[in-house]
Structures are given as structure tokens and as C-alpha cells.
Amino acid sequence: MVFEDACWTLGGHRDWQQLRRWAHMLGFGGHFLTKSRRYSVTFRILRNARVIWRRTDTGHEYADETDDDTTLIVGLLTYAGSGWRTTGDALLANTAAAMARERHQVGREELAAAA
């Protein structure tokens, strides 16, 4: 709340009027982070910092110290690749796409005939 108040107060000055518009974002007028690897803070940096903080936080009550049931959630995604693994997968995907195009074309023809 202190940062929002400071942004609002500073925004009262004529040179800093745009600051009030972004007071809810602590004065930063852009996206709070970027996906770019070369600029600012990336999701990966934030995620890694959060993991390190969680692992080193001594005030955190760990599941081993409680009697409650817990659920482990693993939220790490990695790139698995693109395209089809086998020619059979490619055949199925292309057949499904061709059937969808055909259904779409038949639908258009039916609408044109009904009009």
C-alpha cells in the first residue's frame, strides 16, 4: 500500500501525472515482466527465484512436520518437440483435417442450395 500511495502522491506533480494511472502497478506502466530473453525479467528467472526461495525459507512449515495429508504438485513444463512422432500419426492428423475441410465445404454447399 505504501508504493501505491507514493505513486499517487507523486502523480500530483505536473511532470509525473502519468504515474497515477499506474499506481496499482507500483508505478510501472508496462507489463510486469516480459517473455524476452534479452530484456528485463523473464518468467524463467522469476520461477527459479521462487523455487530457490521456497527451498531455503526456514520459516515455512514443511509437510513432514504436520499430520495433515498433502498433495505434491509438480509444475514444470518442458518442450517435448513438434510434429508427429510416426507416419501413422501424420496420416491420422491429415485425414482428420481433410474430413473437416470436406464437412465445411458440404455445409457451405447446403447453405448455398437452401438460399
PDB file of N, CA and C in Angstrom:
ATOM      1  N   MET A   1       0.816  -1.185   0.000  1.00  0.00           N
ATOM      2  CA  MET A   1       0.000   0.000   0.000  1.00  0.00           C
ATOM      3  C   MET A   1       0.862   1.252   0.000  1.00  0.00           C
ATOM      4  N   VAL A   2       2.047   1.170   0.531  1.00  0.00           N
ATOM      5  CA  VAL A   2       2.927   2.325   0.612  1.00  0.00           C
ATOM      6  C   VAL A   2       3.342   2.775  -0.785  1.00  0.00           C
ATOM      7  N   PHE A   3       3.650   1.810  -1.670  1.00  0.00           N
ATOM      8  CA  PHE A   3       4.083   2.155  -3.014  1.00  0.00           C
ATOM      9  C   PHE A   3       2.957   2.792  -3.815  1.00  0.00           C
ATOM     10  N   GLU A   4       1.742   2.256  -3.660  1.00  0.00           N
ATOM     11  CA  GLU A   4       0.609   2.836  -4.381  1.00  0.00           C
ATOM     12  C   GLU A   4       0.375   4.284  -3.934  1.00  0.00           C
ATOM     13  N   ASP A   5       0.464   4.503  -2.620  1.00  0.00           N
ATOM     14  CA  ASP A   5       0.288   5.865  -2.090  1.00  0.00           C
ATOM     15  C   ASP A   5       1.372   6.800  -2.609  1.00  0.00           C
ATOM     16  N   ALA A   6       2.595   6.314  -2.660  1.00  0.00           N
ATOM     17  CA  ALA A   6       3.701   7.140  -3.152  1.00  0.00           C
ATOM     18  C   ALA A   6       3.489   7.481  -4.625  1.00  0.00           C
ATOM     19  N   CYS A   7       3.052   6.494  -5.419  1.00  0.00           N
ATOM     20  CA  CYS A   7       2.786   6.757  -6.838  1.00  0.00           C
ATOM     21  C   CYS A   7       1.667   7.778  -6.993  1.00  0.00           C
ATOM     22  N   TRP A   8       0.652   7.659  -6.169  1.00  0.00           N
ATOM     23  CA  TRP A   8      -0.477   8.582  -6.267  1.00  0.00           C
ATOM     24  C   TRP A   8      -0.045   9.998  -5.871  1.00  0.00           C
ATOM     25  N   THR A   9       0.740  10.102  -4.818  1.00  0.00           N
ATOM     26  CA  THR A   9       1.212  11.407  -4.353  1.00  0.00           C
ATOM     27  C   THR A   9       2.129  12.052  -5.385  1.00  0.00           C
ATOM     28  N   LEU A  10       3.085  11.296  -5.895  1.00  0.00           N
ATOM     29  CA  LEU A  10       3.991  11.829  -6.912  1.00  0.00           C
ATOM     30  C   LEU A  10       3.240  12.193  -8.192  1.00  0.00           C
ATOM     31  N   GLY A  11       2.176  11.474  -8.482  1.00  0.00           N
ATOM     32  CA  GLY A  11       1.376  11.766  -9.672  1.00  0.00           C
ATOM     33  C   GLY A  11       0.668  13.098  -9.606  1.00  0.00           C
ATOM     34  N   GLY A  12       0.604  13.712  -8.443  1.00  0.00           N
ATOM     35  CA  GLY A  12       0.004  15.032  -8.307  1.00  0.00           C
ATOM     36  C   GLY A  12       0.852  16.130  -8.930  1.00  0.00           C
ATOM     37  N   HIS A  13       2.140  15.870  -9.086  1.00  0.00           N
ATOM     38  CA  HIS A  13       3.037  16.843  -9.712  1.00  0.00           C
ATOM     39  C   HIS A  13       2.813  16.821 -11.220  1.00  0.00           C
ATOM     40  N   ARG A  14       2.872  17.961 -11.890  1.00  0.00           N
ATOM     41  CA  ARG A  14       2.537  18.023 -13.321  1.00  0.00           C
ATOM     42  C   ARG A  14       3.502  17.212 -14.192  1.00  0.00           C
ATOM     43  N   ASP A  15       4.742  17.036 -13.763  1.00  0.00           N
ATOM     44  CA  ASP A  15       5.698  16.259 -14.549  1.00  0.00           C
ATOM     45  C   ASP A  15       5.509  14.748 -14.376  1.00  0.00           C
ATOM     46  N   TRP A  16       4.753  14.344 -13.356  1.00  0.00           N
ATOM     47  CA  TRP A  16       4.590  12.922 -13.050  1.00  0.00           C
ATOM     48  C   TRP A  16       3.127  12.484 -13.105  1.00  0.00           C
ATOM     49  N   GLN A  17       2.291  13.171 -13.868  1.00  0.00           N
ATOM     50  CA  GLN A  17       0.860  12.875 -13.876  1.00  0.00           C
ATOM     51  C   GLN A  17       0.542  11.460 -14.354  1.00  0.00           C
ATOM     52  N   GLN A  18       1.346  10.919 -15.247  1.00  0.00           N
ATOM     53  CA  GLN A  18       1.088   9.569 -15.762  1.00  0.00           C
ATOM     54  C   GLN A  18       1.264   8.500 -14.678  1.00  0.00           C
ATOM     55  N   LEU A  19       1.944   8.847 -13.609  1.00  0.00           N
ATOM     56  CA  LEU A  19       2.202   7.877 -12.544  1.00  0.00           C
ATOM     57  C   LEU A  19       0.915   7.441 -11.848  1.00  0.00           C
ATOM     58  N   ARG A  20      -0.053   8.332 -11.743  1.00  0.00           N
ATOM     59  CA  ARG A  20      -1.313   7.976 -11.085  1.00  0.00           C
ATOM     60  C   ARG A  20      -2.052   6.876 -11.850  1.00  0.00           C
ATOM     61  N   ARG A  21      -1.895   6.908 -13.159  1.00  0.00           N
ATOM     62  CA  ARG A  21      -2.563   5.905 -13.988  1.00  0.00           C
ATOM     63  C   ARG A  21      -2.072   4.493 -13.664  1.00  0.00           C
ATOM     64  N   TRP A  22      -0.813   4.386 -13.229  1.00  0.00           N
ATOM     65  CA  TRP A  22      -0.211   3.089 -12.963  1.00  0.00           C
ATOM     66  C   TRP A  22       0.062   2.849 -11.480  1.00  0.00           C
ATOM     67  N   ALA A  23      -0.600   3.562 -10.617  1.00  0.00           N
ATOM     68  CA  ALA A  23      -0.353   3.420  -9.178  1.00  0.00           C
ATOM     69  C   ALA A  23      -0.631   1.990  -8.707  1.00  0.00           C
ATOM     70  N   HIS A  24      -1.632   1.346  -9.279  1.00  0.00           N
ATOM     71  CA  HIS A  24      -1.965  -0.026  -8.867  1.00  0.00           C
ATOM     72  C   HIS A  24      -0.870  -1.011  -9.247  1.00  0.00           C
ATOM     73  N   MET A  25       0.013  -0.630 -10.173  1.00  0.00           N
ATOM     74  CA  MET A  25       1.128  -1.493 -10.578  1.00  0.00           C
ATOM     75  C   MET A  25       2.453  -0.958 -10.034  1.00  0.00           C
ATOM     76  N   LEU A  26       2.383  -0.241  -8.938  1.00  0.00           N
ATOM     77  CA  LEU A  26       3.555   0.308  -8.251  1.00  0.00           C
ATOM     78  C   LEU A  26       4.344   1.264  -9.131  1.00  0.00           C
ATOM     79  N   GLY A  27       3.658   1.942 -10.046  1.00  0.00           N
ATOM     80  CA  GLY A  27       4.297   2.960 -10.859  1.00  0.00           C
ATOM     81  C   GLY A  27       4.871   2.473 -12.165  1.00  0.00           C
ATOM     82  N   PHE A  28       4.857   1.175 -12.408  1.00  0.00           N
ATOM     83  CA  PHE A  28       5.415   0.664 -13.658  1.00  0.00           C
ATOM     84  C   PHE A  28       4.321   0.616 -14.712  1.00  0.00           C
ATOM     85  N   GLY A  29       4.521   1.306 -15.832  1.00  0.00           N
ATOM     86  CA  GLY A  29       3.484   1.443 -16.846  1.00  0.00           C
ATOM     87  C   GLY A  29       3.480   0.378 -17.914  1.00  0.00           C
ATOM     88  N   GLY A  30       4.291  -0.632 -17.814  1.00  0.00           N
ATOM     89  CA  GLY A  30       4.316  -1.682 -18.815  1.00  0.00           C
ATOM     90  C   GLY A  30       3.842  -2.996 -18.247  1.00  0.00           C
ATOM     91  N   HIS A  31       4.072  -4.058 -18.984  1.00  0.00           N
ATOM     92  CA  HIS A  31       3.740  -5.383 -18.473  1.00  0.00           C
ATOM     93  C   HIS A  31       4.713  -5.697 -17.355  1.00  0.00           C
ATOM     94  N   PHE A  32       4.269  -6.409 -16.338  1.00  0.00           N
ATOM     95  CA  PHE A  32       5.112  -6.585 -15.161  1.00  0.00           C
ATOM     96  C   PHE A  32       6.327  -7.460 -15.428  1.00  0.00           C
ATOM     97  N   LEU A  33       6.334  -8.201 -16.496  1.00  0.00           N
ATOM     98  CA  LEU A  33       7.521  -8.931 -16.920  1.00  0.00           C
ATOM     99  C   LEU A  33       7.395  -9.236 -18.395  1.00  0.00           C
ATOM    100  N   THR A  34       8.468  -9.729 -18.968  1.00  0.00           N
ATOM    101  CA  THR A  34       8.465 -10.000 -20.396  1.00  0.00           C
ATOM    102  C   THR A  34       8.877 -11.432 -20.649  1.00  0.00           C
ATOM    103  N   LYS A  35       8.536 -11.938 -21.821  1.00  0.00           N
ATOM    104  CA  LYS A  35       8.946 -13.276 -22.205  1.00  0.00           C
ATOM    105  C   LYS A  35      10.275 -13.235 -22.952  1.00  0.00           C
ATOM    106  N   SER A  36      10.779 -12.050 -23.208  1.00  0.00           N
ATOM    107  CA  SER A  36      12.013 -11.895 -23.959  1.00  0.00           C
ATOM    108  C   SER A  36      13.199 -12.388 -23.149  1.00  0.00           C
ATOM    109  N   ARG A  37      14.143 -13.003 -23.817  1.00  0.00           N
ATOM    110  CA  ARG A  37      15.339 -13.494 -23.136  1.00  0.00           C
ATOM    111  C   ARG A  37      16.358 -12.391 -22.921  1.00  0.00           C
ATOM    112  N   ARG A  38      16.256 -11.302 -23.690  1.00  0.00           N
ATOM    113  CA  ARG A  38      17.275 -10.256 -23.657  1.00  0.00           C
ATOM    114  C   ARG A  38      16.855  -9.022 -22.881  1.00  0.00           C
ATOM    115  N   TYR A  39      15.655  -8.992 -22.354  1.00  0.00           N
ATOM    116  CA  TYR A  39      15.175  -7.763 -21.740  1.00  0.00           C
ATOM    117  C   TYR A  39      14.492  -8.048 -20.414  1.00  0.00           C
ATOM    118  N   SER A  40      14.832  -7.310 -19.416  1.00  0.00           N
ATOM    119  CA  SER A  40      14.127  -7.282 -18.153  1.00  0.00           C
ATOM    120  C   SER A  40      14.058  -8.652 -17.490  1.00  0.00           C
ATOM    121  N   VAL A  41      12.961  -8.916 -16.817  1.00  0.00           N
ATOM    122  CA  VAL A  41      12.768 -10.134 -16.037  1.00  0.00           C
ATOM    123  C   VAL A  41      11.938 -11.114 -16.849  1.00  0.00           C
ATOM    124  N   THR A  42      12.399 -12.349 -16.936  1.00  0.00           N
ATOM    125  CA  THR A  42      11.652 -13.358 -17.676  1.00  0.00           C
ATOM    126  C   THR A  42      10.924 -14.272 -16.701  1.00  0.00           C
ATOM    127  N   PHE A  43       9.962 -15.019 -17.222  1.00  0.00           N
ATOM    128  CA  PHE A  43       9.233 -15.980 -16.391  1.00  0.00           C
ATOM    129  C   PHE A  43      10.199 -16.986 -15.765  1.00  0.00           C
ATOM    130  N   ARG A  44      11.204 -17.423 -16.517  1.00  0.00           N
ATOM    131  CA  ARG A  44      12.151 -18.418 -16.012  1.00  0.00           C
ATOM    132  C   ARG A  44      12.911 -17.888 -14.801  1.00  0.00           C
ATOM    133  N   ILE A  45      13.358 -16.631 -14.858  1.00  0.00           N
ATOM    134  CA  ILE A  45      14.093 -16.046 -13.736  1.00  0.00           C
ATOM    135  C   ILE A  45      13.199 -15.981 -12.500  1.00  0.00           C
ATOM    136  N   LEU A  46      11.957 -15.539 -12.675  1.00  0.00           N
ATOM    137  CA  LEU A  46      11.039 -15.473 -11.542  1.00  0.00           C
ATOM    138  C   LEU A  46      10.736 -16.857 -10.977  1.00  0.00           C
ATOM    139  N   ARG A  47      10.507 -17.819 -11.859  1.00  0.00           N
ATOM    140  CA  ARG A  47      10.203 -19.179 -11.413  1.00  0.00           C
ATOM    141  C   ARG A  47      11.374 -19.774 -10.646  1.00  0.00           C
ATOM    142  N   ASN A  48      12.608 -19.603 -11.168  1.00  0.00           N
ATOM    143  CA  ASN A  48      13.785 -20.130 -10.479  1.00  0.00           C
ATOM    144  C   ASN A  48      14.003 -19.450  -9.131  1.00  0.00           C
ATOM    145  N   ALA A  49      13.796 -18.145  -9.086  1.00  0.00           N
ATOM    146  CA  ALA A  49      13.943 -17.429  -7.814  1.00  0.00           C
ATOM    147  C   ALA A  49      12.913 -17.907  -6.805  1.00  0.00           C
ATOM    148  N   ARG A  50      11.686 -18.169  -7.263  1.00  0.00           N
ATOM    149  CA  ARG A  50      10.645 -18.658  -6.367  1.00  0.00           C
ATOM    150  C   ARG A  50      10.987 -20.045  -5.829  1.00  0.00           C
ATOM    151  N   VAL A  51      11.526 -20.917  -6.699  1.00  0.00           N
ATOM    152  CA  VAL A  51      11.916 -22.266  -6.266  1.00  0.00           C
ATOM    153  C   VAL A  51      13.018 -22.180  -5.222  1.00  0.00           C
ATOM    154  N   ILE A  52      14.026 -21.351  -5.478  1.00  0.00           N
ATOM    155  CA  ILE A  52      15.135 -21.200  -4.523  1.00  0.00           C
ATOM    156  C   ILE A  52      14.623 -20.651  -3.202  1.00  0.00           C
ATOM    157  N   TRP A  53      13.750 -19.640  -3.266  1.00  0.00           N
ATOM    158  CA  TRP A  53      13.220 -19.057  -2.036  1.00  0.00           C
ATOM    159  C   TRP A  53      12.421 -20.088  -1.247  1.00  0.00           C
ATOM    160  N   ARG A  54      11.593 -20.877  -1.932  1.00  0.00           N
ATOM    161  CA  ARG A  54      10.794 -21.901  -1.241  1.00  0.00           C
ATOM    162  C   ARG A  54      11.676 -22.951  -0.588  1.00  0.00           C
ATOM    163  N   ARG A  55      12.754 -23.314  -1.243  1.00  0.00           N
ATOM    164  CA  ARG A  55      13.633 -24.359  -0.702  1.00  0.00           C
ATOM    165  C   ARG A  55      14.482 -23.870   0.454  1.00  0.00           C
ATOM    166  N   THR A  56      14.753 -22.568   0.508  1.00  0.00           N
ATOM    167  CA  THR A  56      15.621 -22.049   1.565  1.00  0.00           C
ATOM    168  C   THR A  56      14.866 -21.318   2.667  1.00  0.00           C
ATOM    169  N   ASP A  57      13.571 -21.181   2.522  1.00  0.00           N
ATOM    170  CA  ASP A  57      12.763 -20.472   3.520  1.00  0.00           C
ATOM    171  C   ASP A  57      12.705 -21.300   4.801  1.00  0.00           C
ATOM    172  N   THR A  58      13.250 -20.773   5.889  1.00  0.00           N
ATOM    173  CA  THR A  58      13.293 -21.525   7.139  1.00  0.00           C
ATOM    174  C   THR A  58      12.016 -21.376   7.949  1.00  0.00           C
ATOM    175  N   GLY A  59      11.234 -20.342   7.691  1.00  0.00           N
ATOM    176  CA  GLY A  59      10.003 -20.132   8.438  1.00  0.00           C
ATOM    177  C   GLY A  59       8.843 -20.953   7.901  1.00  0.00           C
ATOM    178  N   HIS A  60       9.050 -21.678   6.819  1.00  0.00           N
ATOM    179  CA  HIS A  60       7.975 -22.442   6.191  1.00  0.00           C
ATOM    180  C   HIS A  60       7.741 -23.748   6.949  1.00  0.00           C
ATOM    181  N   GLU A  61       6.505 -24.068   7.179  1.00  0.00           N
ATOM    182  CA  GLU A  61       6.165 -25.321   7.839  1.00  0.00           C
ATOM    183  C   GLU A  61       6.090 -26.417   6.786  1.00  0.00           C
ATOM    184  N   TYR A  62       6.971 -27.376   6.863  1.00  0.00           N
ATOM    185  CA  TYR A  62       7.041 -28.428   5.850  1.00  0.00           C
ATOM    186  C   TYR A  62       6.048 -29.545   6.138  1.00  0.00           C
ATOM    187  N   ALA A  63       5.716 -30.291   5.099  1.00  0.00           N
ATOM    188  CA  ALA A  63       4.726 -31.358   5.212  1.00  0.00           C
ATOM    189  C   ALA A  63       5.171 -32.437   6.198  1.00  0.00           C
ATOM    190  N   ASP A  64       6.478 -32.664   6.344  1.00  0.00           N
ATOM    191  CA  ASP A  64       6.982 -33.680   7.267  1.00  0.00           C
ATOM    192  C   ASP A  64       6.662 -33.329   8.716  1.00  0.00           C
ATOM    193  N   GLU A  65       6.486 -32.042   8.993  1.00  0.00           N
ATOM    194  CA  GLU A  65       6.272 -31.595  10.358  1.00  0.00           C
ATOM    195  C   GLU A  65       4.792 -31.545  10.743  1.00  0.00           C
ATOM    196  N   THR A  66       3.908 -31.847   9.813  1.00  0.00           N
ATOM    197  CA  THR A  66       2.478 -31.791  10.095  1.00  0.00           C
ATOM    198  C   THR A  66       1.864 -33.166   9.973  1.00  0.00           C
ATOM    199  N   ASP A  67       0.675 -33.305  10.523  1.00  0.00           N
ATOM    200  CA  ASP A  67      -0.045 -34.563  10.427  1.00  0.00           C
ATOM    201  C   ASP A  67      -1.058 -34.552   9.283  1.00  0.00           C
ATOM    202  N   ASP A  68      -1.216 -33.424   8.617  1.00  0.00           N
ATOM    203  CA  ASP A  68      -2.194 -33.303   7.544  1.00  0.00           C
ATOM    204  C   ASP A  68      -1.732 -34.042   6.294  1.00  0.00           C
ATOM    205  N   ASP A  69      -2.704 -34.534   5.517  1.00  0.00           N
ATOM    206  CA  ASP A  69      -2.391 -35.123   4.222  1.00  0.00           C
ATOM    207  C   ASP A  69      -2.024 -34.002   3.253  1.00  0.00           C
ATOM    208  N   THR A  70      -1.040 -34.248   2.422  1.00  0.00           N
ATOM    209  CA  THR A  70      -0.619 -33.244   1.462  1.00  0.00           C
ATOM    210  C   THR A  70      -0.639 -33.829   0.057  1.00  0.00           C
ATOM    211  N   THR A  71      -0.674 -32.954  -0.908  1.00  0.00           N
ATOM    212  CA  THR A  71      -0.624 -33.349  -2.306  1.00  0.00           C
ATOM    213  C   THR A  71       0.565 -32.664  -2.940  1.00  0.00           C
ATOM    214  N   LEU A  72       1.426 -33.430  -3.593  1.00  0.00           N
ATOM    215  CA  LEU A  72       2.581 -32.878  -4.271  1.00  0.00           C
ATOM    216  C   LEU A  72       2.160 -32.470  -5.674  1.00  0.00           C
ATOM    217  N   ILE A  73       2.401 -31.218  -6.015  1.00  0.00           N
ATOM    218  CA  ILE A  73       2.081 -30.710  -7.341  1.00  0.00           C
ATOM    219  C   ILE A  73       3.384 -30.319  -8.012  1.00  0.00           C
ATOM    220  N   VAL A  74       3.664 -30.937  -9.135  1.00  0.00           N
ATOM    221  CA  VAL A  74       4.860 -30.624  -9.889  1.00  0.00           C
ATOM    222  C   VAL A  74       4.432 -29.787 -11.081  1.00  0.00           C
ATOM    223  N   GLY A  75       4.941 -28.578 -11.172  1.00  0.00           N
ATOM    224  CA  GLY A  75       4.507 -27.657 -12.206  1.00  0.00           C
ATOM    225  C   GLY A  75       5.625 -27.254 -13.145  1.00  0.00           C
ATOM    226  N   LEU A  76       6.407 -28.191 -13.622  1.00  0.00           N
ATOM    227  CA  LEU A  76       7.499 -27.868 -14.520  1.00  0.00           C
ATOM    228  C   LEU A  76       7.162 -28.375 -15.913  1.00  0.00           C
ATOM    229  N   LEU A  77       7.132 -27.488 -16.879  1.00  0.00           N
ATOM    230  CA  LEU A  77       6.851 -27.857 -18.255  1.00  0.00           C
ATOM    231  C   LEU A  77       8.125 -27.752 -19.078  1.00  0.00           C
ATOM    232  N   THR A  78       8.328 -28.693 -19.964  1.00  0.00           N
ATOM    233  CA  THR A  78       9.481 -28.644 -20.859  1.00  0.00           C
ATOM    234  C   THR A  78       9.005 -28.860 -22.284  1.00  0.00           C
ATOM    235  N   TYR A  79       9.786 -28.397 -23.232  1.00  0.00           N
ATOM    236  CA  TYR A  79       9.460 -28.546 -24.640  1.00  0.00           C
ATOM    237  C   TYR A  79       9.687 -29.994 -25.044  1.00  0.00           C
ATOM    238  N   ALA A  80       8.662 -30.622 -25.599  1.00  0.00           N
ATOM    239  CA  ALA A  80       8.753 -32.027 -25.978  1.00  0.00           C
ATOM    240  C   ALA A  80       9.005 -32.208 -27.466  1.00  0.00           C
ATOM    241  N   GLY A  81       8.851 -31.173 -28.242  1.00  0.00           N
ATOM    242  CA  GLY A  81       9.083 -31.280 -29.675  1.00  0.00           C
ATOM    243  C   GLY A  81       7.851 -30.869 -30.456  1.00  0.00           C
ATOM    244  N   SER A  82       7.965 -30.877 -31.768  1.00  0.00           N
ATOM    245  CA  SER A  82       6.841 -30.516 -32.615  1.00  0.00           C
ATOM    246  C   SER A  82       6.723 -31.538 -33.736  1.00  0.00           C
ATOM    247  N   GLY A  83       5.560 -31.569 -34.340  1.00  0.00           N
ATOM    248  CA  GLY A  83       5.349 -32.509 -35.428  1.00  0.00           C
ATOM    249  C   GLY A  83       4.799 -33.835 -34.918  1.00  0.00           C
ATOM    250  N   TRP A  84       4.790 -34.813 -35.789  1.00  0.00           N
ATOM    251  CA  TRP A  84       4.244 -36.116 -35.437  1.00  0.00           C
ATOM    252  C   TRP A  84       5.382 -37.085 -35.178  1.00  0.00           C
ATOM    253  N   ARG A  85       5.155 -38.014 -34.277  1.00  0.00           N
ATOM    254  CA  ARG A  85       6.191 -38.989 -33.940  1.00  0.00           C
ATOM    255  C   ARG A  85       6.335 -40.062 -35.009  1.00  0.00           C
ATOM    256  N   THR A  86       5.210 -40.480 -35.573  1.00  0.00           N
ATOM    257  CA  THR A  86       5.243 -41.552 -36.575  1.00  0.00           C
ATOM    258  C   THR A  86       4.492 -41.109 -37.820  1.00  0.00           C
ATOM    259  N   THR A  87       4.682 -41.847 -38.894  1.00  0.00           N
ATOM    260  CA  THR A  87       3.929 -41.542 -40.118  1.00  0.00           C
ATOM    261  C   THR A  87       2.454 -41.852 -39.919  1.00  0.00           C
ATOM    262  N   GLY A  88       2.127 -42.789 -39.033  1.00  0.00           N
ATOM    263  CA  GLY A  88       0.732 -43.080 -38.723  1.00  0.00           C
ATOM    264  C   GLY A  88       0.046 -41.890 -38.067  1.00  0.00           C
ATOM    265  N   ASP A  89       0.767 -41.224 -37.154  1.00  0.00           N
ATOM    266  CA  ASP A  89       0.218 -40.021 -36.523  1.00  0.00           C
ATOM    267  C   ASP A  89      -0.036 -38.934 -37.564  1.00  0.00           C
ATOM    268  N   ALA A  90       0.905 -38.771 -38.477  1.00  0.00           N
ATOM    269  CA  ALA A  90       0.746 -37.775 -39.539  1.00  0.00           C
ATOM    270  C   ALA A  90      -0.447 -38.118 -40.425  1.00  0.00           C
ATOM    271  N   LEU A  91      -0.604 -39.396 -40.755  1.00  0.00           N
ATOM    272  CA  LEU A  91      -1.726 -39.830 -41.593  1.00  0.00           C
ATOM    273  C   LEU A  91      -3.057 -39.551 -40.902  1.00  0.00           C
ATOM    274  N   LEU A  92      -3.165 -39.883 -39.616  1.00  0.00           N
ATOM    275  CA  LEU A  92      -4.402 -39.626 -38.878  1.00  0.00           C
ATOM    276  C   LEU A  92      -4.721 -38.134 -38.814  1.00  0.00           C
ATOM    277  N   ALA A  93      -3.717 -37.310 -38.539  1.00  0.00           N
ATOM    278  CA  ALA A  93      -3.936 -35.869 -38.435  1.00  0.00           C
ATOM    279  C   ALA A  93      -4.356 -35.285 -39.782  1.00  0.00           C
ATOM    280  N   ASN A  94      -3.691 -35.686 -40.841  1.00  0.00           N
ATOM    281  CA  ASN A  94      -4.026 -35.168 -42.165  1.00  0.00           C
ATOM    282  C   ASN A  94      -5.392 -35.656 -42.628  1.00  0.00           C
ATOM    283  N   THR A  95      -5.758 -36.891 -42.293  1.00  0.00           N
ATOM    284  CA  THR A  95      -7.073 -37.414 -42.644  1.00  0.00           C
ATOM    285  C   THR A  95      -8.161 -36.643 -41.905  1.00  0.00           C
ATOM    286  N   ALA A  96      -7.968 -36.392 -40.626  1.00  0.00           N
ATOM    287  CA  ALA A  96      -8.949 -35.634 -39.837  1.00  0.00           C
ATOM    288  C   ALA A  96      -9.101 -34.222 -40.392  1.00  0.00           C
ATOM    289  N   ALA A  97      -7.992 -33.595 -40.781  1.00  0.00           N
ATOM    290  CA  ALA A  97      -8.057 -32.247 -41.346  1.00  0.00           C
ATOM    291  C   ALA A  97      -8.797 -32.252 -42.679  1.00  0.00           C
ATOM    292  N   ALA A  98      -8.539 -33.254 -43.512  1.00  0.00           N
ATOM    293  CA  ALA A  98      -9.220 -33.353 -44.807  1.00  0.00           C
ATOM    294  C   ALA A  98     -10.720 -33.567 -44.617  1.00  0.00           C
ATOM    295  N   MET A  99     -11.098 -34.408 -43.653  1.00  0.00           N
ATOM    296  CA  MET A  99     -12.526 -34.650 -43.380  1.00  0.00           C
ATOM    297  C   MET A  99     -13.199 -33.376 -42.866  1.00  0.00           C
ATOM    298  N   ALA A 100     -12.510 -32.615 -42.045  1.00  0.00           N
ATOM    299  CA  ALA A 100     -13.074 -31.364 -41.540  1.00  0.00           C
ATOM    300  C   ALA A 100     -13.276 -30.369 -42.676  1.00  0.00           C
ATOM    301  N   ARG A 101     -12.285 -30.268 -43.563  1.00  0.00           N
ATOM    302  CA  ARG A 101     -12.437 -29.383 -44.725  1.00  0.00           C
ATOM    303  C   ARG A 101     -13.607 -29.814 -45.592  1.00  0.00           C
ATOM    304  N   GLU A 102     -13.761 -31.125 -45.783  1.00  0.00           N
ATOM    305  CA  GLU A 102     -14.859 -31.647 -46.609  1.00  0.00           C
ATOM    306  C   GLU A 102     -16.214 -31.334 -45.977  1.00  0.00           C
ATOM    307  N   ARG A 103     -16.332 -31.545 -44.655  1.00  0.00           N
ATOM    308  CA  ARG A 103     -17.590 -31.224 -43.961  1.00  0.00           C
ATOM    309  C   ARG A 103     -17.908 -29.740 -44.080  1.00  0.00           C
ATOM    310  N   HIS A 104     -16.898 -28.912 -43.965  1.00  0.00           N
ATOM    311  CA  HIS A 104     -17.081 -27.470 -44.073  1.00  0.00           C
ATOM    312  C   HIS A 104     -17.575 -27.104 -45.469  1.00  0.00           C
ATOM    313  N   GLN A 105     -16.971 -27.704 -46.495  1.00  0.00           N
ATOM    314  CA  GLN A 105     -17.367 -27.424 -47.873  1.00  0.00           C
ATOM    315  C   GLN A 105     -18.793 -27.890 -48.142  1.00  0.00           C
ATOM    316  N   VAL A 106     -19.170 -29.078 -47.649  1.00  0.00           N
ATOM    317  CA  VAL A 106     -20.534 -29.592 -47.825  1.00  0.00           C
ATOM    318  C   VAL A 106     -21.526 -28.666 -47.136  1.00  0.00           C
ATOM    319  N   GLY A 107     -21.182 -28.183 -45.957  1.00  0.00           N
ATOM    320  CA  GLY A 107     -22.048 -27.253 -45.248  1.00  0.00           C
ATOM    321  C   GLY A 107     -22.269 -25.979 -46.042  1.00  0.00           C
ATOM    322  N   ARG A 108     -21.198 -25.450 -46.639  1.00  0.00           N
ATOM    323  CA  ARG A 108     -21.326 -24.253 -47.474  1.00  0.00           C
ATOM    324  C   ARG A 108     -22.235 -24.509 -48.672  1.00  0.00           C
ATOM    325  N   GLU A 109     -22.057 -25.672 -49.299  1.00  0.00           N
ATOM    326  CA  GLU A 109     -22.882 -26.010 -50.459  1.00  0.00           C
ATOM    327  C   GLU A 109     -24.359 -26.142 -50.076  1.00  0.00           C
ATOM    328  N   GLU A 110     -24.615 -26.740 -48.902  1.00  0.00           N
ATOM    329  CA  GLU A 110     -26.007 -26.887 -48.434  1.00  0.00           C
ATOM    330  C   GLU A 110     -26.634 -25.523 -48.170  1.00  0.00           C
ATOM    331  N   LEU A 111     -25.887 -24.624 -47.565  1.00  0.00           N
ATOM    332  CA  LEU A 111     -26.414 -23.290 -47.304  1.00  0.00           C
ATOM    333  C   LEU A 111     -26.668 -22.532 -48.586  1.00  0.00           C
ATOM    334  N   ALA A 112     -25.786 -22.700 -49.557  1.00  0.00           N
ATOM    335  CA  ALA A 112     -25.968 -22.008 -50.833  1.00  0.00           C
ATOM    336  C   ALA A 112     -27.183 -22.560 -51.577  1.00  0.00           C
ATOM    337  N   ALA A 113     -27.414 -23.871 -51.479  1.00  0.00           N
ATOM    338  CA  ALA A 113     -28.549 -24.505 -52.155  1.00  0.00           C
ATOM    339  C   ALA A 113     -29.855 -24.099 -51.493  1.00  0.00           C
ATOM    340  N   ALA A 114     -29.848 -23.907 -50.173  1.00  0.00           N
ATOM    341  CA  ALA A 114     -31.066 -23.559 -49.437  1.00  0.00           C
ATOM    342  C   ALA A 114     -31.449 -22.093 -49.666  1.00  0.00           C
ATOM    343  N   ALA A 115     -30.510 -21.260 -50.043  1.00  0.00           N
ATOM    344  CA  ALA A 115     -30.796 -19.834 -50.200  1.00  0.00           C
ATOM    345  C   ALA A 115     -31.444 -19.498 -51.509  1.00  0.00           C
TER     346      ALA A 115
END
